[in-house]
C-alpha atoms as a PDB file:
ATOM      1  CA  MET A   1      15.408  -5.933  -5.288  1.00  0.00           C
ATOM      2  CA  THR A   2      14.163  -7.617  -2.110  1.00  0.00           C
ATOM      3  CA  ARG A   3      15.632  -6.782   1.275  1.00  0.00           C
ATOM      4  CA  SER A   4      15.877  -8.969   4.365  1.00  0.00           C
ATOM      5  CA  VAL A   5      13.280  -8.594   7.090  1.00  0.00           C
ATOM      6  CA  GLY A   6      16.013  -7.679   9.559  1.00  0.00           C
ATOM      7  CA  VAL A   7      17.283  -4.741   7.496  1.00  0.00           C
ATOM      8  CA  TRP A   8      13.962  -2.994   6.991  1.00  0.00           C
ATOM      9  CA  ALA A   9      12.773  -3.763  10.538  1.00  0.00           C
ATOM     10  CA  LEU A  10      15.865  -2.166  12.088  1.00  0.00           C
ATOM     11  CA  GLY A  11      15.579   0.813   9.769  1.00  0.00           C
ATOM     12  CA  LEU A  12      11.895   1.244  10.528  1.00  0.00           C
ATOM     13  CA  LEU A  13      12.445   1.073  14.276  1.00  0.00           C
ATOM     14  CA  ALA A  14      15.153   3.716  13.960  1.00  0.00           C
ATOM     15  CA  VAL A  15      12.716   6.026  12.168  1.00  0.00           C
ATOM     16  CA  LEU A  16       9.870   5.319  14.563  1.00  0.00           C
ATOM     17  CA  GLY A  17      12.152   5.832  17.536  1.00  0.00           C
ATOM     18  CA  GLY A  18      11.743   9.558  16.956  1.00  0.00           C
ATOM     19  CA  PHE A  19       8.230   9.313  18.352  1.00  0.00           C
ATOM     20  CA  ALA A  20       9.512   9.623  21.907  1.00  0.00           C
ATOM     21  CA  ALA A  21      11.008  13.053  21.257  1.00  0.00           C
ATOM     22  CA  LEU A  22       8.370  14.903  19.285  1.00  0.00           C
ATOM     23  CA  PRO A  23       8.514  18.705  19.037  1.00  0.00           C
ATOM     24  CA  ASP A  24       5.892  20.899  20.638  1.00  0.00           C
ATOM     25  CA  ALA A  25       3.036  22.261  18.540  1.00  0.00           C
ATOM     26  CA  ALA A  26       4.960  25.453  17.673  1.00  0.00           C
ATOM     27  CA  GLU A  27       7.758  23.542  15.931  1.00  0.00           C
ATOM     28  CA  PRO A  28       7.431  22.132  12.413  1.00  0.00           C
ATOM     29  CA  LEU A  29       7.160  18.379  12.085  1.00  0.00           C
ATOM     30  CA  THR A  30       9.565  16.240  10.106  1.00  0.00           C
ATOM     31  CA  ALA A  31       8.833  13.186   7.962  1.00  0.00           C
ATOM     32  CA  PRO A  32      10.164  10.689  10.576  1.00  0.00           C
ATOM     33  CA  GLN A  33       7.970  12.285  13.250  1.00  0.00           C
ATOM     34  CA  VAL A  34       4.846  12.109  11.081  1.00  0.00           C
ATOM     35  CA  VAL A  35       5.643   8.484  10.199  1.00  0.00           C
ATOM     36  CA  ALA A  36       6.065   7.735  13.905  1.00  0.00           C
ATOM     37  CA  ARG A  37       2.741   9.329  14.814  1.00  0.00           C
ATOM     38  CA  CYS A  38       1.004   7.356  12.087  1.00  0.00           C
ATOM     39  CA  ALA A  39       2.588   4.128  13.358  1.00  0.00           C
ATOM     40  CA  GLU A  40       1.376   4.912  16.866  1.00  0.00           C
ATOM     41  CA  ALA A  41      -2.131   5.636  15.573  1.00  0.00           C
ATOM     42  CA  LEU A  42      -2.274   2.372  13.641  1.00  0.00           C
ATOM     43  CA  GLY A  43      -1.307   0.256  16.639  1.00  0.00           C
ATOM     44  CA  GLY A  44       2.248   1.078  17.659  1.00  0.00           C
ATOM     45  CA  ALA A  45       5.763   1.111  16.229  1.00  0.00           C
ATOM     46  CA  ASP A  46       6.612  -2.408  17.405  1.00  0.00           C
ATOM     47  CA  LYS A  47       3.501  -3.906  15.798  1.00  0.00           C
ATOM     48  CA  ILE A  48       4.091  -2.089  12.501  1.00  0.00           C
ATOM     49  CA  ALA A  49       7.723  -3.230  12.439  1.00  0.00           C
ATOM     50  CA  SER A  50       6.669  -6.820  13.106  1.00  0.00           C
ATOM     51  CA  VAL A  51       4.368  -7.004  10.085  1.00  0.00           C
ATOM     52  CA  ARG A  52       5.967  -9.340   7.565  1.00  0.00           C
ATOM     53  CA  THR A  53       2.959 -10.549   5.580  1.00  0.00           C
ATOM     54  CA  LEU A  54      -0.639  -9.471   5.070  1.00  0.00           C
ATOM     55  CA  ARG A  55      -3.670 -11.125   3.540  1.00  0.00           C
ATOM     56  CA  ILE A  56      -6.394  -8.602   2.713  1.00  0.00           C
ATOM     57  CA  GLN A  57      -9.745  -9.626   1.264  1.00  0.00           C
ATOM     58  CA  MET A  58     -11.903  -6.972  -0.356  1.00  0.00           C
ATOM     59  CA  VAL A  59     -15.022  -6.761  -2.521  1.00  0.00           C
ATOM     60  CA  PRO A  60     -15.251  -3.982  -5.148  1.00  0.00           C
ATOM     61  CA  ALA A  61     -18.797  -2.662  -5.455  1.00  0.00           C
ATOM     62  CA  SER A  62     -18.570  -2.760  -9.257  1.00  0.00           C
ATOM     63  CA  LYS A  63     -17.350  -6.370  -9.319  1.00  0.00           C
ATOM     64  CA  PRO A  64     -19.061  -8.399  -6.586  1.00  0.00           C
ATOM     65  CA  LYS A  65     -16.328 -11.024  -6.536  1.00  0.00           C
ATOM     66  CA  ALA A  66     -13.914 -11.095  -3.647  1.00  0.00           C
ATOM     67  CA  VAL A  67     -10.303 -10.201  -4.394  1.00  0.00           C
ATOM     68  CA  THR A  68      -7.594 -11.449  -2.049  1.00  0.00           C
ATOM     69  CA  HIS A  69      -4.298  -9.576  -1.890  1.00  0.00           C
ATOM     70  CA  GLU A  70      -1.316 -11.261  -0.257  1.00  0.00           C
ATOM     71  CA  ILE A  71       1.641  -9.011   0.542  1.00  0.00           C
ATOM     72  CA  LYS A  72       5.120  -9.941   1.675  1.00  0.00           C
ATOM     73  CA  ARG A  73       6.933  -6.777   2.651  1.00  0.00           C
ATOM     74  CA  PRO A  74       8.424  -4.798   1.188  1.00  0.00           C
ATOM     75  CA  ASN A  75       7.669  -5.603  -2.465  1.00  0.00           C
ATOM     76  CA  ARG A  76       5.895  -8.885  -3.176  1.00  0.00           C
ATOM     77  CA  ILE A  77       2.187  -9.186  -3.902  1.00  0.00           C
ATOM     78  CA  ARG A  78      -0.258 -11.799  -5.129  1.00  0.00           C
ATOM     79  CA  SER A  79      -3.769 -10.744  -6.177  1.00  0.00           C
ATOM     80  CA  GLU A  80      -6.347 -13.462  -6.709  1.00  0.00           C
ATOM     81  CA  SER A  81     -10.032 -13.682  -7.571  1.00  0.00           C
ATOM     82  CA  ALA A  82     -12.243 -16.336  -9.118  1.00  0.00           C
ATOM     83  CA  ASP A  83     -11.130 -15.100 -12.558  1.00  0.00           C
ATOM     84  CA  TYR A  84      -7.393 -14.515 -12.287  1.00  0.00           C
ATOM     85  CA  VAL A  85      -4.189 -14.799 -10.285  1.00  0.00           C
ATOM     86  CA  LEU A  86      -1.560 -12.043 -10.649  1.00  0.00           C
ATOM     87  CA  VAL A  87       1.851 -12.145  -8.962  1.00  0.00           C
ATOM     88  CA  PHE A  88       4.829  -9.823  -8.508  1.00  0.00           C
ATOM     89  CA  ASP A  89       8.058 -11.119  -6.976  1.00  0.00           C
ATOM     90  CA  GLY A  90       9.692  -7.719  -6.510  1.00  0.00           C
ATOM     91  CA  GLU A  91      11.194  -7.741  -9.995  1.00  0.00           C
ATOM     92  CA  ARG A  92       8.866  -9.399 -12.509  1.00  0.00           C
ATOM     93  CA  CYS A  93       5.109  -9.752 -12.723  1.00  0.00           C
ATOM     94  CA  GLY A  94       2.675 -11.949 -14.547  1.00  0.00           C
ATOM     95  CA  TYR A  95      -0.487 -14.014 -14.616  1.00  0.00           C
ATOM     96  CA  LEU A  96      -0.633 -17.471 -13.119  1.00  0.00           C
ATOM     97  CA  LYS A  97      -4.092 -17.806 -14.651  1.00  0.00           C
ATOM     98  CA  GLY A  98      -6.707 -15.655 -16.314  1.00  0.00           C
ATOM     99  CA  ALA A  99      -4.469 -13.761 -18.735  1.00  0.00           C
ATOM    100  CA  PRO A 100      -6.615 -12.004 -21.378  1.00  0.00           C
ATOM    101  CA  SER A 101      -6.684 -13.715 -24.783  1.00  0.00           C
ATOM    102  CA  LYS A 102      -8.474 -13.026 -28.064  1.00  0.00           C
ATOM    103  CA  ASP A 103     -10.281 -16.360 -28.089  1.00  0.00           C
ATOM    104  CA  GLY A 104     -11.422 -16.049 -24.462  1.00  0.00           C
ATOM    105  CA  ARG A 105      -9.539 -19.119 -23.303  1.00  0.00           C
ATOM    106  CA  ASP A 106      -7.057 -19.049 -20.441  1.00  0.00           C
ATOM    107  CA  PRO A 107      -3.591 -19.203 -22.056  1.00  0.00           C
ATOM    108  CA  GLY A 108      -1.983 -20.226 -18.782  1.00  0.00           C
ATOM    109  CA  PRO A 109       0.914 -18.437 -17.069  1.00  0.00           C
ATOM    110  CA  LYS A 110       1.962 -15.258 -18.853  1.00  0.00           C
ATOM    111  CA  LEU A 111       4.862 -12.965 -18.029  1.00  0.00           C
ATOM    112  CA  LEU A 112       4.089  -9.228 -18.275  1.00  0.00           C
ATOM    113  CA  PRO A 113       6.522  -6.511 -19.434  1.00  0.00           C
ATOM    114  CA  GLU A 114       9.023  -5.644 -16.728  1.00  0.00           C
ATOM    115  CA  GLU A 115       7.894  -2.006 -16.531  1.00  0.00           C
ATOM    116  CA  GLU A 116       4.420  -3.109 -15.441  1.00  0.00           C
ATOM    117  CA  GLY A 117       5.937  -4.135 -12.124  1.00  0.00           C
ATOM    118  CA  ARG A 118       5.570  -0.534 -11.002  1.00  0.00           C
ATOM    119  CA  ASP A 119       1.777  -0.960 -11.033  1.00  0.00           C
ATOM    120  CA  PHE A 120       2.152  -3.802  -8.562  1.00  0.00           C
ATOM    121  CA  GLU A 121       4.362  -1.612  -6.373  1.00  0.00           C
ATOM    122  CA  LEU A 122       1.513   0.882  -6.337  1.00  0.00           C
ATOM    123  CA  ASP A 123      -0.985  -1.836  -5.422  1.00  0.00           C
ATOM    124  CA  ILE A 124       1.130  -2.541  -2.333  1.00  0.00           C
ATOM    125  CA  ALA A 125       1.392   1.182  -1.500  1.00  0.00           C
ATOM    126  CA  PHE A 126      -2.388   1.492  -1.729  1.00  0.00           C
ATOM    127  CA  LEU A 127      -2.867  -1.369   0.737  1.00  0.00           C
ATOM    128  CA  PHE A 128      -0.083  -0.703   3.262  1.00  0.00           C
ATOM    129  CA  PRO A 129       1.671   2.658   3.792  1.00  0.00           C
ATOM    130  CA  ALA A 130       4.845   2.707   1.697  1.00  0.00           C
ATOM    131  CA  PHE A 131       6.462   5.249   4.021  1.00  0.00           C
ATOM    132  CA  PHE A 132       7.076   2.392   6.455  1.00  0.00           C
ATOM    133  CA  ASP A 133       9.413   0.828   3.870  1.00  0.00           C
ATOM    134  CA  HIS A 134      10.716   3.791   1.848  1.00  0.00           C
ATOM    135  CA  PRO A 135      12.048   7.250   2.811  1.00  0.00           C
ATOM    136  CA  SER A 136       9.524  10.060   2.547  1.00  0.00           C
ATOM    137  CA  GLN A 137       9.399  13.851   2.538  1.00  0.00           C
ATOM    138  CA  TYR A 138       7.058  15.949   4.679  1.00  0.00           C
ATOM    139  CA  LEU A 139       5.160  18.516   2.610  1.00  0.00           C
ATOM    140  CA  GLY A 140       3.316  20.281   5.439  1.00  0.00           C
ATOM    141  CA  THR A 141      -0.465  20.410   5.759  1.00  0.00           C
ATOM    142  CA  GLU A 142      -3.285  20.963   3.299  1.00  0.00           C
ATOM    143  CA  ALA A 143      -7.048  20.894   3.661  1.00  0.00           C
ATOM    144  CA  PHE A 144      -8.941  17.803   2.555  1.00  0.00           C
ATOM    145  CA  GLU A 145     -12.696  17.494   3.036  1.00  0.00           C
ATOM    146  CA  GLY A 146     -12.657  20.613   5.190  1.00  0.00           C
ATOM    147  CA  SER A 147      -9.934  19.660   7.661  1.00  0.00           C
ATOM    148  CA  PRO A 148      -6.107  19.906   7.686  1.00  0.00           C
ATOM    149  CA  HIS A 149      -4.111  16.837   6.679  1.00  0.00           C
ATOM    150  CA  HIS A 150      -0.389  16.115   6.878  1.00  0.00           C
ATOM    151  CA  LYS A 151       1.212  15.208   3.545  1.00  0.00           C
ATOM    152  CA  LEU A 152       4.014  12.680   3.099  1.00  0.00           C
ATOM    153  CA  ALA A 153       5.476  12.131  -0.380  1.00  0.00           C
ATOM    154  CA  LEU A 154       7.810   9.445  -1.688  1.00  0.00           C
ATOM    155  CA  THR A 155       8.912   7.853  -4.931  1.00  0.00           C
ATOM    156  CA  LEU A 156       8.583   4.090  -5.244  1.00  0.00           C
ATOM    157  CA  PRO A 157      11.637   2.191  -6.581  1.00  0.00           C
ATOM    158  CA  MET A 158      10.143   1.901 -10.085  1.00  0.00           C
ATOM    159  CA  GLY A 159       9.323   5.586 -10.349  1.00  0.00           C
ATOM    160  CA  ILE A 160       5.739   6.236  -9.229  1.00  0.00           C
ATOM    161  CA  ARG A 161       5.353   9.312  -7.024  1.00  0.00           C
ATOM    162  CA  VAL A 162       2.938   8.735  -4.127  1.00  0.00           C
ATOM    163  CA  THR A 163       1.568  11.309  -1.685  1.00  0.00           C
ATOM    164  CA  TYR A 164      -0.221  10.247   1.502  1.00  0.00           C
ATOM    165  CA  TRP A 165      -2.660  12.551   3.290  1.00  0.00           C
ATOM    166  CA  LEU A 166      -2.880  11.841   7.014  1.00  0.00           C
ATOM    167  CA  ASP A 167      -5.655  13.145   9.221  1.00  0.00           C
ATOM    168  CA  GLY A 168      -4.376  16.229  11.051  1.00  0.00           C
ATOM    169  CA  ILE A 169      -5.555  15.011  14.459  1.00  0.00           C
ATOM    170  CA  ARG A 170      -5.453  11.210  14.382  1.00  0.00           C
ATOM    171  CA  PHE A 171      -2.614  10.804  11.839  1.00  0.00           C
ATOM    172  CA  LEU A 172      -4.498   7.992  10.068  1.00  0.00           C
ATOM    173  CA  PRO A 173      -4.079   7.817   6.255  1.00  0.00           C
ATOM    174  CA  ALA A 174      -7.177   9.281   4.612  1.00  0.00           C
ATOM    175  CA  ARG A 175      -6.114   9.788   0.994  1.00  0.00           C
ATOM    176  CA  ILE A 176      -3.447   8.469  -1.367  1.00  0.00           C
ATOM    177  CA  VAL A 177      -2.590  10.247  -4.621  1.00  0.00           C
ATOM    178  CA  ALA A 178      -0.228   8.647  -7.132  1.00  0.00           C
ATOM    179  CA  GLU A 179       1.378  10.133 -10.229  1.00  0.00           C
ATOM    180  CA  VAL A 180       2.068   7.382 -12.749  1.00  0.00           C
ATOM    181  CA  PRO A 181       4.294   8.033 -15.802  1.00  0.00           C
ATOM    182  CA  PHE A 182       2.497   6.625 -18.860  1.00  0.00           C
ATOM    183  CA  GLN A 183       3.351   7.112 -22.549  1.00  0.00           C
ATOM    184  CA  GLY A 184       5.101  10.419 -21.980  1.00  0.00           C
ATOM    185  CA  GLU A 185       2.389  11.779 -19.682  1.00  0.00           C
ATOM    186  CA  VAL A 186       1.592  11.553 -15.985  1.00  0.00           C
ATOM    187  CA  VAL A 187      -1.642   9.801 -15.016  1.00  0.00           C
ATOM    188  CA  ARG A 188      -3.111  10.655 -11.626  1.00  0.00           C
ATOM    189  CA  VAL A 189      -4.782   7.897  -9.625  1.00  0.00           C
ATOM    190  CA  GLU A 190      -6.287   8.255  -6.173  1.00  0.00           C
ATOM    191  CA  ARG A 191      -7.718   6.258  -3.300  1.00  0.00           C
ATOM    192  CA  THR A 192      -9.545   7.539  -0.227  1.00  0.00           C
ATOM    193  CA  LEU A 193      -9.682   5.493   2.979  1.00  0.00           C
ATOM    194  CA  GLY A 194     -12.042   5.434   5.935  1.00  0.00           C
ATOM    195  CA  ASP A 195     -13.937   3.521   8.627  1.00  0.00           C
ATOM    196  CA  TYR A 196     -10.861   2.045  10.309  1.00  0.00           C
ATOM    197  CA  PHE A 197     -11.227  -1.218  12.219  1.00  0.00           C
ATOM    198  CA  SER A 198      -8.898  -3.370  14.308  1.00  0.00           C
ATOM    199  CA  ALA A 199      -7.350  -6.615  13.055  1.00  0.00           C
ATOM    200  CA  GLN A 200      -4.913  -8.368  15.397  1.00  0.00           C
ATOM    201  CA  GLY A 201      -4.133  -5.115  17.173  1.00  0.00           C
ATOM    202  CA  LEU A 202      -3.587  -2.989  14.043  1.00  0.00           C
ATOM    203  CA  LEU A 203      -5.977  -0.576  12.356  1.00  0.00           C
ATOM    204  CA  PHE A 204      -6.937  -0.981   8.691  1.00  0.00           C
ATOM    205  CA  PRO A 205      -9.427   0.959   6.561  1.00  0.00           C
ATOM    206  CA  ARG A 206     -12.685  -0.876   5.929  1.00  0.00           C
ATOM    207  CA  THR A 207     -13.744   1.370   3.047  1.00  0.00           C
ATOM    208  CA  MET A 208     -11.713   2.364  -0.010  1.00  0.00           C
ATOM    209  CA  ASN A 209     -12.796   4.505  -2.940  1.00  0.00           C
ATOM    210  CA  SER A 210     -10.571   4.559  -6.021  1.00  0.00           C
ATOM    211  CA  SER A 211     -10.473   6.717  -9.140  1.00  0.00           C
ATOM    212  CA  GLY A 212      -8.332   6.456 -12.250  1.00  0.00           C
ATOM    213  CA  TRP A 213      -7.447   2.836 -11.509  1.00  0.00           C
ATOM    214  CA  ALA A 214      -8.560  -0.688 -12.358  1.00  0.00           C
ATOM    215  CA  PHE A 215     -11.001  -0.794  -9.432  1.00  0.00           C
ATOM    216  CA  LYS A 216     -12.890   2.449  -9.893  1.00  0.00           C
ATOM    217  CA  GLY A 217     -15.413   3.311  -7.228  1.00  0.00           C
ATOM    218  CA  PRO A 218     -15.886   1.964  -3.705  1.00  0.00           C
ATOM    219  CA  ALA A 219     -14.699  -1.308  -2.238  1.00  0.00           C
ATOM    220  CA  SER A 220     -15.132  -2.920   1.156  1.00  0.00           C
ATOM    221  CA  VAL A 221     -12.422  -4.737   3.086  1.00  0.00           C
ATOM    222  CA  THR A 222     -13.997  -7.848   4.546  1.00  0.00           C
ATOM    223  CA  ASN A 223     -11.042  -9.508   6.282  1.00  0.00           C
ATOM    224  CA  VAL A 224      -7.394  -8.870   7.183  1.00  0.00           C
ATOM    225  CA  GLU A 225      -4.855 -11.420   8.419  1.00  0.00           C
ATOM    226  CA  VAL A 226      -1.545 -10.222   9.839  1.00  0.00           C
ATOM    227  CA  ASN A 227       1.544 -12.413   9.377  1.00  0.00           C
ATOM    228  CA  PRO A 228      -0.056 -15.507   7.833  1.00  0.00           C
ATOM    229  CA  PRO A 229       2.593 -17.981   6.588  1.00  0.00           C
ATOM    230  CA  MET A 230       3.570 -17.296   2.963  1.00  0.00           C
ATOM    231  CA  GLU A 231       6.245 -19.023   0.925  1.00  0.00           C
ATOM    232  CA  ASP A 232       8.137 -16.994  -1.664  1.00  0.00           C
ATOM    233  CA  GLY A 233       6.857 -19.386  -4.322  1.00  0.00           C
ATOM    234  CA  ARG A 234       3.377 -17.897  -4.005  1.00  0.00           C
ATOM    235  CA  PHE A 235       4.695 -14.736  -5.647  1.00  0.00           C
ATOM    236  CA  GLU A 236       6.548 -16.385  -8.524  1.00  0.00           C
ATOM    237  CA  ARG A 237       5.365 -17.517 -11.937  1.00  0.00           C
END
């Protein structure tokens, strides 16, 4: 399922290249143009395209233990805290440690059902805009918290539908809504973003507030590293 860095970087630059020829305010926007404006707002198309890995440390208010997420674009993630290590290599996911057990002891590495990989895809989409790696559709504008926001929708490779709400003026992501198929129903999960700060020339949200997900409630991002070295083995069980 993984793609080479060169393929997605060239494709992303082609999409973001539309930023130089944006329509005037009277013309409707397209998905590539909204993606390009978001890239410019976050630090620029070249910087977004150059992102290969991310290390994001955050502290959920409900669980005052730091969680470190390591991402290797487009679809690898490792999530680690003092209690567990979870990995997804783009195809399969599992625990390296901390898998739940009836007797409370760590059973060691444990592979999870293949379909649970889609949850890890969503974790990535919640931490870094998936429309930089997957084609999206522009749904126009809709009010959120009293102001217009641009909406971009896409479907992740494993089937989760994700809609991003971008601030109507700054084009920064402010809200993410995901529709997750689960036992014949669709579960809605959401994350709001705010208080953007700069890390190595790119903007990232400092505050996140989630509902309908494992980390319910607010969380604070305490550190972001862009392009730290990461071997593929860190994402394998």
